[in-house]
């Protein structure tokens, strides 16, 4: 079996490497030798997915195939994209005067940044949308080596496969925004969201995954996919009120850490604030839609001096946000030297067990804002700090 992977970002490159390890003949194709990128589906001005790159690949596909070939979309695309791809391919074949057989399938990825290879090699499920037996047999053959002991491929129609990826990400984003709403109310009524999370998470109908409140979600998937799902609904004359509320809640949540810093310090002009973590989550240098970016932007705008520390994402942050005047720090302690406040935005392992006594001696102020609720409130207070969590 020979496979061409068009677009070698973290999904394409991981897919190619893992398939090659199984002995398949893999060719990875990309337009940029210097920067590895995927066939992107960036959001348009209205939040809908921009499919120009995907359709360009479909057109090229139709211009060159000369025998039966299956085109599989792994990009997250709106329902109906496969139909558009099929139409473009047929247009190109008609221009060539060819009647070459082909199929289109949807195989959305569920790979987490920072754990993509593990997720690919040991998936909890593989979703495949097909509309022919030939395509189904080919996809089953492709994935069988990965799932010898438990063939967890879920075959369905293409529209359902396209919808599944959006629905999965929207559900996870909804749980996050729901818990952030509960946490914000806990702040106001004196409840501890950590206890509430345990209370509802022990219900087997709910479970405890994705029930951790914090300063909002970011990255390349959840924000984009939630907006695209809502936009798809609007294009079909329907308003997804819950999904649109999820996005609004998350955008507001990104400001919570700044608001807590402002409440604790008052006028922020001339204040020194240490930011621990600028990536949207641990184990990646991805800062897209990261809550830290919103917090830092508002701090700089308020006249604060900001020092940032992140195990891997500082260089990326400085490259992408050269408009923000921030000072990089090599360690969490260097960032906190002389600071009036420390704010944790990304729960890296390196930040989980600070020496609170050492920090208290080197800091000018006594404010700790825990944007991910990873610290023991009483332990931090015992070291002489004022502790501010999310919902506790």
Protein backbone atom coordinates (compact mmCIF):
# COMPACT_ATOMS: atom_id res chain seq x y z
CA UNK A 1 0.00 0.00 0.00
CA UNK A 2 1.36 3.43 -0.99
CA UNK A 3 0.15 6.54 0.82
CA UNK A 4 0.78 10.23 0.14
CA UNK A 5 0.26 12.58 3.09
CA UNK A 6 -0.33 16.16 2.01
CA UNK A 7 0.50 18.63 4.77
CA UNK A 8 2.96 17.46 7.40
CA UNK A 9 2.12 19.33 10.58
CA UNK A 10 1.89 17.49 13.88
CA UNK A 11 -1.01 15.38 12.57
CA UNK A 12 0.39 14.65 9.11
CA UNK A 13 3.94 14.05 10.24
CA UNK A 14 2.90 11.76 13.10
CA UNK A 15 0.53 9.85 10.80
CA UNK A 16 3.25 9.37 8.20
CA UNK A 17 5.86 8.25 10.72
CA UNK A 18 3.50 5.77 12.39
CA UNK A 19 2.25 4.27 9.11
CA UNK A 20 5.85 3.98 7.87
CA UNK A 21 6.78 2.11 11.04
CA UNK A 22 4.20 -0.50 10.03
CA UNK A 23 6.00 -1.04 6.73
CA UNK A 24 3.85 1.10 4.44
CA UNK A 25 5.31 3.15 1.59
CA UNK A 26 4.78 6.76 2.75
CA UNK A 27 5.44 10.01 0.90
CA UNK A 28 4.92 13.27 2.78
CA UNK A 29 4.26 16.39 0.72
CA UNK A 30 4.44 20.01 1.82
CA UNK A 31 4.83 23.37 0.08
CA UNK A 32 7.30 24.81 2.59
CA UNK A 33 10.66 23.15 3.08
CA UNK A 34 11.60 25.41 5.97
CA UNK A 35 8.40 25.15 8.00
CA UNK A 36 6.35 22.00 8.38
CA UNK A 37 2.67 22.80 8.29
CA UNK A 38 -0.61 20.93 7.93
CA UNK A 39 -3.31 21.52 5.35
CA UNK A 40 -4.91 24.12 7.57
CA UNK A 41 -8.54 25.06 8.06
CA UNK A 42 -8.12 28.45 9.76
CA UNK A 43 -11.23 30.31 10.89
CA UNK A 44 -12.68 32.98 8.63
CA UNK A 45 -13.95 36.34 9.83
CA UNK A 46 -17.31 34.79 10.79
CA UNK A 47 -15.71 31.81 12.55
CA UNK A 48 -16.34 29.38 9.71
CA UNK A 49 -13.51 27.14 8.53
CA UNK A 50 -11.46 28.41 5.58
CA UNK A 51 -11.27 25.44 3.23
CA UNK A 52 -9.17 26.99 0.48
CA UNK A 53 -6.14 24.78 1.20
CA UNK A 54 -8.28 21.66 1.37
CA UNK A 55 -9.97 22.45 -1.95
CA UNK A 56 -6.60 23.19 -3.53
CA UNK A 57 -5.46 19.69 -2.61
CA UNK A 58 -8.67 18.23 -4.06
CA UNK A 59 -8.09 20.10 -7.34
CA UNK A 60 -4.49 18.86 -7.56
CA UNK A 61 -5.70 15.34 -6.79
CA UNK A 62 -8.19 15.46 -9.66
CA UNK A 63 -5.53 16.79 -12.03
CA UNK A 64 -3.12 13.91 -11.47
CA UNK A 65 -4.73 10.60 -10.47
CA UNK A 66 -4.57 7.89 -13.16
CA UNK A 67 -5.96 4.86 -11.30
CA UNK A 68 -8.31 4.21 -8.39
CA UNK A 69 -7.24 6.33 -5.43
CA UNK A 70 -8.88 7.05 -2.10
CA UNK A 71 -8.64 10.65 -0.84
CA UNK A 72 -8.93 10.79 2.95
CA UNK A 73 -9.49 14.04 4.84
CA UNK A 74 -7.97 14.13 8.32
CA UNK A 75 -8.36 17.88 8.68
CA UNK A 76 -11.24 19.03 10.85
CA UNK A 77 -13.78 20.16 8.26
CA UNK A 78 -17.47 21.14 8.32
CA UNK A 79 -20.18 18.69 7.37
CA UNK A 80 -20.54 18.62 3.61
CA UNK A 81 -16.86 19.16 2.84
CA UNK A 82 -16.45 15.69 1.33
CA UNK A 83 -19.24 16.47 -1.14
CA UNK A 84 -17.45 19.66 -2.21
CA UNK A 85 -14.18 17.76 -2.56
CA UNK A 86 -15.86 15.11 -4.71
CA UNK A 87 -17.39 17.77 -6.97
CA UNK A 88 -14.02 19.49 -7.51
CA UNK A 89 -12.30 16.20 -8.33
CA UNK A 90 -14.97 15.33 -10.89
CA UNK A 91 -14.64 18.78 -12.47
CA UNK A 92 -10.90 18.25 -12.91
CA UNK A 93 -11.38 14.74 -14.30
CA UNK A 94 -13.95 16.09 -16.78
CA UNK A 95 -11.45 18.74 -17.92
CA UNK A 96 -8.95 15.95 -18.58
CA UNK A 97 -11.58 13.83 -20.32
CA UNK A 98 -10.87 10.98 -17.88
CA UNK A 99 -13.10 8.54 -16.07
CA UNK A 100 -10.75 7.52 -13.26
CA UNK A 101 -12.47 5.86 -10.28
CA UNK A 102 -11.92 7.40 -6.87
CA UNK A 103 -13.47 7.65 -3.41
CA UNK A 104 -13.47 10.26 -0.67
CA UNK A 105 -13.38 9.32 3.02
CA UNK A 106 -13.33 11.21 6.31
CA UNK A 107 -10.92 10.07 9.03
CA UNK A 108 -10.80 12.90 11.60
CA UNK A 109 -7.82 12.90 13.93
CA UNK A 110 -8.13 12.84 17.72
CA UNK A 111 -4.47 13.47 18.54
CA UNK A 112 -3.54 15.58 21.55
CA UNK A 113 -0.61 17.94 21.19
CA UNK A 114 2.25 16.59 23.27
CA UNK A 115 0.95 13.01 23.04
CA UNK A 116 0.26 12.62 19.31
CA UNK A 117 2.39 9.51 18.67
CA UNK A 118 0.95 7.67 21.67
CA UNK A 119 -2.60 8.59 20.64
CA UNK A 120 -1.98 7.44 17.05
CA UNK A 121 -0.40 4.12 17.99
CA UNK A 122 -2.92 3.31 20.74
CA UNK A 123 -6.20 5.06 19.88
CA UNK A 124 -9.31 4.61 21.97
CA UNK A 125 -11.24 4.70 18.68
CA UNK A 126 -10.73 5.45 15.01
CA UNK A 127 -13.62 7.20 13.26
CA UNK A 128 -13.95 6.56 9.53
CA UNK A 129 -16.64 7.92 7.24
CA UNK A 130 -17.04 6.15 3.88
CA UNK A 131 -19.69 5.74 1.21
CA UNK A 132 -18.43 2.66 -0.62
CA UNK A 133 -17.42 -0.85 0.35
CA UNK A 134 -14.14 -0.47 -1.52
CA UNK A 135 -13.18 2.54 0.59
CA UNK A 136 -14.27 0.76 3.76
CA UNK A 137 -12.14 -2.30 2.99
CA UNK A 138 -9.12 -0.15 2.21
CA UNK A 139 -9.40 1.83 5.47
CA UNK A 140 -9.89 -1.37 7.48
CA UNK A 141 -6.74 -2.79 5.92
CA UNK A 142 -4.84 0.41 6.69
CA UNK A 143 -5.63 0.42 10.41
CA UNK A 144 -5.65 -3.31 11.13
CA UNK A 145 -1.94 -3.46 12.15
CA UNK A 146 -2.57 -0.88 14.89
CA UNK A 147 -5.63 -2.60 16.27
CA UNK A 148 -4.91 -6.32 16.04
CA UNK A 149 -6.18 -7.14 19.53
CA UNK A 150 -9.14 -4.78 19.54
CA UNK A 151 -10.34 -3.42 16.19
CA UNK A 152 -11.78 -0.13 17.40
CA UNK A 153 -12.63 1.38 14.01
CA UNK A 154 -16.06 2.99 13.95
CA UNK A 155 -17.37 3.04 10.38
CA UNK A 156 -20.14 5.48 9.56
CA UNK A 157 -21.37 7.73 6.78
CA UNK A 158 -19.11 10.63 5.83
CA UNK A 159 -21.34 13.42 7.15
CA UNK A 160 -21.52 11.75 10.56
CA UNK A 161 -17.73 11.34 10.68
CA UNK A 162 -17.24 15.02 9.83
CA UNK A 163 -19.72 15.98 12.55
CA UNK A 164 -18.18 13.63 15.14
CA UNK A 165 -14.91 15.58 15.39
CA UNK A 166 -16.66 18.91 15.91
CA UNK A 167 -19.14 17.41 18.36
CA UNK A 168 -16.35 15.79 20.42
CA UNK A 169 -14.33 18.98 20.75
CA UNK A 170 -17.43 21.06 21.43
CA UNK A 171 -18.48 18.66 24.20
CA UNK A 172 -15.08 18.89 25.90
CA UNK A 173 -15.05 22.67 25.56
CA UNK A 174 -18.55 22.78 27.03
CA UNK A 175 -17.46 20.86 30.13
CA UNK A 176 -14.56 23.27 30.63
CA UNK A 177 -16.71 26.37 30.28
CA UNK A 178 -19.39 24.86 32.51
CA UNK A 179 -16.90 24.25 35.31
CA UNK A 180 -15.47 27.74 34.88
CA UNK A 181 -18.96 29.17 35.32
CA UNK A 182 -19.41 27.08 38.48
CA UNK A 183 -16.00 28.22 39.75
CA UNK A 184 -16.83 31.88 39.20
CA UNK A 185 -20.02 31.45 41.19
CA UNK A 186 -18.12 29.59 43.92
CA UNK A 187 -15.86 32.64 44.23
CA UNK A 188 -18.91 34.77 44.92
CA UNK A 189 -20.77 32.49 47.34
CA UNK A 190 -17.80 31.11 49.29
CA UNK A 191 -17.90 27.53 48.02
CA UNK A 192 -14.82 25.49 47.03
CA UNK A 193 -15.01 24.39 43.40
CA UNK A 194 -12.55 21.59 44.13
CA UNK A 195 -15.05 20.00 46.50
CA UNK A 196 -17.87 20.60 44.04
CA UNK A 197 -15.85 18.95 41.27
CA UNK A 198 -15.32 15.84 43.40
CA UNK A 199 -18.98 15.78 44.35
CA UNK A 200 -20.30 15.83 40.80
CA UNK A 201 -17.39 13.88 39.27
CA UNK A 202 -18.14 10.87 41.46
CA UNK A 203 -21.48 10.55 39.68
CA UNK A 204 -20.89 7.84 37.06
CA UNK A 205 -23.25 9.63 34.67
CA UNK A 206 -20.89 12.62 34.68
CA UNK A 207 -17.38 11.31 35.42
CA UNK A 208 -14.43 13.46 36.45
CA UNK A 209 -12.68 14.19 33.16
CA UNK A 210 -12.53 17.75 31.83
CA UNK A 211 -14.05 19.11 35.03
CA UNK A 212 -11.04 21.18 36.06
CA UNK A 213 -11.75 24.93 36.19
CA UNK A 214 -9.09 27.43 35.29
CA UNK A 215 -8.30 30.46 33.17
CA UNK A 216 -9.87 29.15 29.96
CA UNK A 217 -8.94 26.85 27.10
CA UNK A 218 -6.81 27.73 24.08
CA UNK A 219 -4.83 26.02 21.33
CA UNK A 220 -5.50 25.26 17.70
CA UNK A 221 -8.56 23.02 18.14
CA UNK A 222 -11.16 23.94 20.75
CA UNK A 223 -11.49 27.69 19.96
CA UNK A 224 -11.49 27.15 16.20
CA UNK A 225 -13.81 24.14 16.21
CA UNK A 226 -16.37 25.67 18.57
CA UNK A 227 -16.58 28.77 16.35
CA UNK A 228 -16.76 26.67 13.17
CA UNK A 229 -19.55 24.48 14.56
CA UNK A 230 -21.59 27.53 15.52
CA UNK A 231 -20.94 29.07 12.10
CA UNK A 232 -22.04 25.87 10.33
CA UNK A 233 -25.29 25.94 12.28
CA UNK A 234 -25.92 29.58 11.34
CA UNK A 235 -25.31 28.75 7.68
CA UNK A 236 -28.11 26.20 7.96
CA UNK A 237 -30.52 28.59 9.68
CA UNK A 238 -29.98 27.31 13.22
CA UNK A 239 -28.47 28.96 16.31
CA UNK A 240 -26.56 26.66 18.68
CA UNK A 241 -27.18 28.65 21.82
CA UNK A 242 -25.18 26.41 24.15
CA UNK A 243 -22.16 26.30 21.83
CA UNK A 244 -22.16 30.06 21.33
CA UNK A 245 -22.37 30.53 25.10
CA UNK A 246 -19.38 28.19 25.54
CA UNK A 247 -17.28 30.49 23.39
CA UNK A 248 -18.44 33.64 25.20
CA UNK A 249 -17.70 32.11 28.61
CA UNK A 250 -14.22 31.05 27.53
CA UNK A 251 -13.31 34.46 26.14
CA UNK A 252 -14.40 36.08 29.40
CA UNK A 253 -12.54 33.47 31.46
CA UNK A 254 -9.22 34.44 29.91
CA UNK A 255 -9.47 37.77 31.74
CA UNK A 256 -10.13 36.30 35.19
CA UNK A 257 -6.44 36.11 36.17
CA UNK A 258 -5.87 39.73 35.14
CA UNK A 259 -8.92 40.82 37.12
CA UNK A 260 -7.67 38.99 40.21
CA UNK A 261 -4.25 40.63 39.85
CA UNK A 262 -5.88 44.04 39.50
CA UNK A 263 -8.09 43.46 42.53
CA UNK A 264 -5.11 42.35 44.64
CA UNK A 265 -2.59 44.99 43.53
CA UNK A 266 -4.77 47.97 42.63
CA UNK A 267 -3.06 50.27 40.14
CA UNK A 268 -0.85 48.01 38.02
CA UNK A 269 1.35 50.75 36.61
CA UNK A 270 4.96 50.00 37.58
CA UNK A 271 4.04 46.71 39.22
CA UNK A 272 6.19 43.69 38.43
CA UNK A 273 4.32 40.49 37.60
CA UNK A 274 5.84 37.05 36.95
CA UNK A 275 3.95 34.84 34.52
CA UNK A 276 4.58 31.11 34.85
CA UNK A 277 3.60 29.45 31.58
CA UNK A 278 2.68 31.01 28.24
CA UNK A 279 1.78 27.88 26.21
CA UNK A 280 -1.91 27.03 26.06
CA UNK A 281 -1.16 23.74 27.84
CA UNK A 282 1.89 21.76 29.05
CA UNK A 283 4.12 19.69 26.75
CA UNK A 284 3.86 22.05 23.78
CA UNK A 285 5.19 25.42 22.64
CA UNK A 286 1.85 26.30 21.04
CA UNK A 287 0.63 29.71 22.21
CA UNK A 288 -2.33 30.01 19.85
CA UNK A 289 -5.36 31.36 21.73
CA UNK A 290 -3.45 30.84 24.99
CA UNK A 291 -5.01 32.54 28.05
CA UNK A 292 -1.55 33.84 28.98
CA UNK A 293 -1.52 36.03 25.87
CA UNK A 294 -4.69 37.82 26.98
CA UNK A 295 -3.39 38.29 30.52
CA UNK A 296 0.00 39.59 29.40
CA UNK A 297 -1.56 41.93 26.83
CA UNK A 298 -3.76 43.52 29.49
CA UNK A 299 -0.95 43.73 32.02
CA UNK A 300 1.36 45.48 29.56
CA UNK A 301 -1.49 47.78 28.57
CA UNK A 302 -1.95 48.69 32.24
CA UNK A 303 1.73 49.63 32.56
CA UNK A 304 2.94 46.56 34.44
CA UNK A 305 6.42 45.07 34.01
CA UNK A 306 5.96 41.47 32.94
CA UNK A 307 8.49 38.65 33.16
CA UNK A 308 7.61 35.34 31.52
CA UNK A 309 8.89 31.83 32.11
CA UNK A 310 7.93 28.69 30.20
CA UNK A 311 9.97 25.50 29.74
CA UNK A 312 9.63 25.56 25.93
CA UNK A 313 7.32 28.33 24.70
CA UNK A 314 9.17 31.57 25.52
CA UNK A 315 10.93 31.76 22.14
CA UNK A 316 7.68 31.16 20.28
CA UNK A 317 5.90 33.77 22.37
CA UNK A 318 8.58 36.39 21.72
CA UNK A 319 8.49 35.58 18.00
CA UNK A 320 4.74 35.78 17.64
CA UNK A 321 4.14 38.65 20.06
CA UNK A 322 7.08 40.94 19.46
CA UNK A 323 4.64 43.83 19.96
CA UNK A 324 4.50 43.12 23.70
CA UNK A 325 7.30 44.40 25.93
CA UNK A 326 8.07 41.47 28.20
CA UNK A 327 11.24 40.15 29.80
CA UNK A 328 12.08 36.44 29.40
CA UNK A 329 13.32 34.48 32.41
CA UNK A 330 15.18 31.18 32.42
CA UNK A 331 13.60 29.86 35.62
CA UNK A 332 10.46 30.38 37.64
CA UNK A 333 12.55 31.92 40.41
CA UNK A 334 14.30 34.34 38.08
CA UNK A 335 10.91 35.49 36.83
CA UNK A 336 9.70 36.02 40.40
CA UNK A 337 12.74 37.99 41.60
CA UNK A 338 11.45 41.32 42.98
CA UNK A 339 7.94 40.62 41.70
CA UNK A 340 4.80 41.99 43.28
CA UNK A 341 2.82 38.97 42.12
CA UNK A 342 3.17 35.57 40.50
CA UNK A 343 0.48 34.22 38.17
CA UNK A 344 0.43 30.58 37.04
CA UNK A 345 -1.14 30.20 33.59
CA UNK A 346 0.17 26.80 32.40
CA UNK A 347 0.41 23.80 34.73
CA UNK A 348 3.84 22.53 33.70
CA UNK A 349 5.34 19.89 36.01
CA UNK A 350 8.26 22.25 36.63
CA UNK A 351 5.88 24.70 38.30
CA UNK A 352 3.98 22.26 40.49
CA UNK A 353 6.16 22.31 43.63
CA UNK A 354 7.73 25.74 44.18
CA UNK A 355 9.84 26.47 47.24
CA UNK A 356 7.39 28.93 48.79
CA UNK A 357 9.82 30.08 51.46
CA UNK A 358 12.44 30.92 48.88
CA UNK A 359 9.88 32.73 46.76
CA UNK A 360 8.66 34.81 49.69
CA UNK A 361 12.20 35.98 50.40
CA UNK A 362 12.92 37.02 46.82
CA UNK A 363 9.57 38.64 45.96
CA UNK A 364 8.67 42.23 46.72
CA UNK A 365 4.97 41.47 47.01
CA UNK A 366 2.87 38.64 48.40
CA UNK A 367 0.30 37.81 45.70
CA UNK A 368 -0.06 34.38 44.07
CA UNK A 369 -2.77 33.88 41.46
CA UNK A 370 -3.24 30.20 40.65
CA UNK A 371 -4.90 30.14 37.24
CA UNK A 372 -5.00 26.33 37.16
CA UNK A 373 -5.83 25.49 40.79
CA UNK A 374 -2.79 23.26 41.25
CA UNK A 375 -1.51 24.66 44.56
CA UNK A 376 -2.60 23.93 48.12
CA UNK A 377 -4.19 27.15 49.33
CA UNK A 378 -3.26 26.67 52.97
CA UNK A 379 0.34 25.79 52.16
CA UNK A 380 0.74 28.95 50.11
CA UNK A 381 -0.88 31.10 52.79
CA UNK A 382 1.31 29.56 55.49
CA UNK A 383 4.36 30.87 53.60
CA UNK A 384 3.02 34.41 53.93
CA UNK A 385 1.29 34.83 50.59
CA UNK A 386 -2.16 36.01 49.64
CA UNK A 387 -3.56 33.19 47.50
CA UNK A 388 -6.15 33.63 44.73
CA UNK A 389 -7.42 30.55 42.92
CA UNK A 390 -10.26 29.98 40.48
CA UNK A 391 -13.35 29.22 42.52
CA UNK A 392 -11.62 28.55 45.81
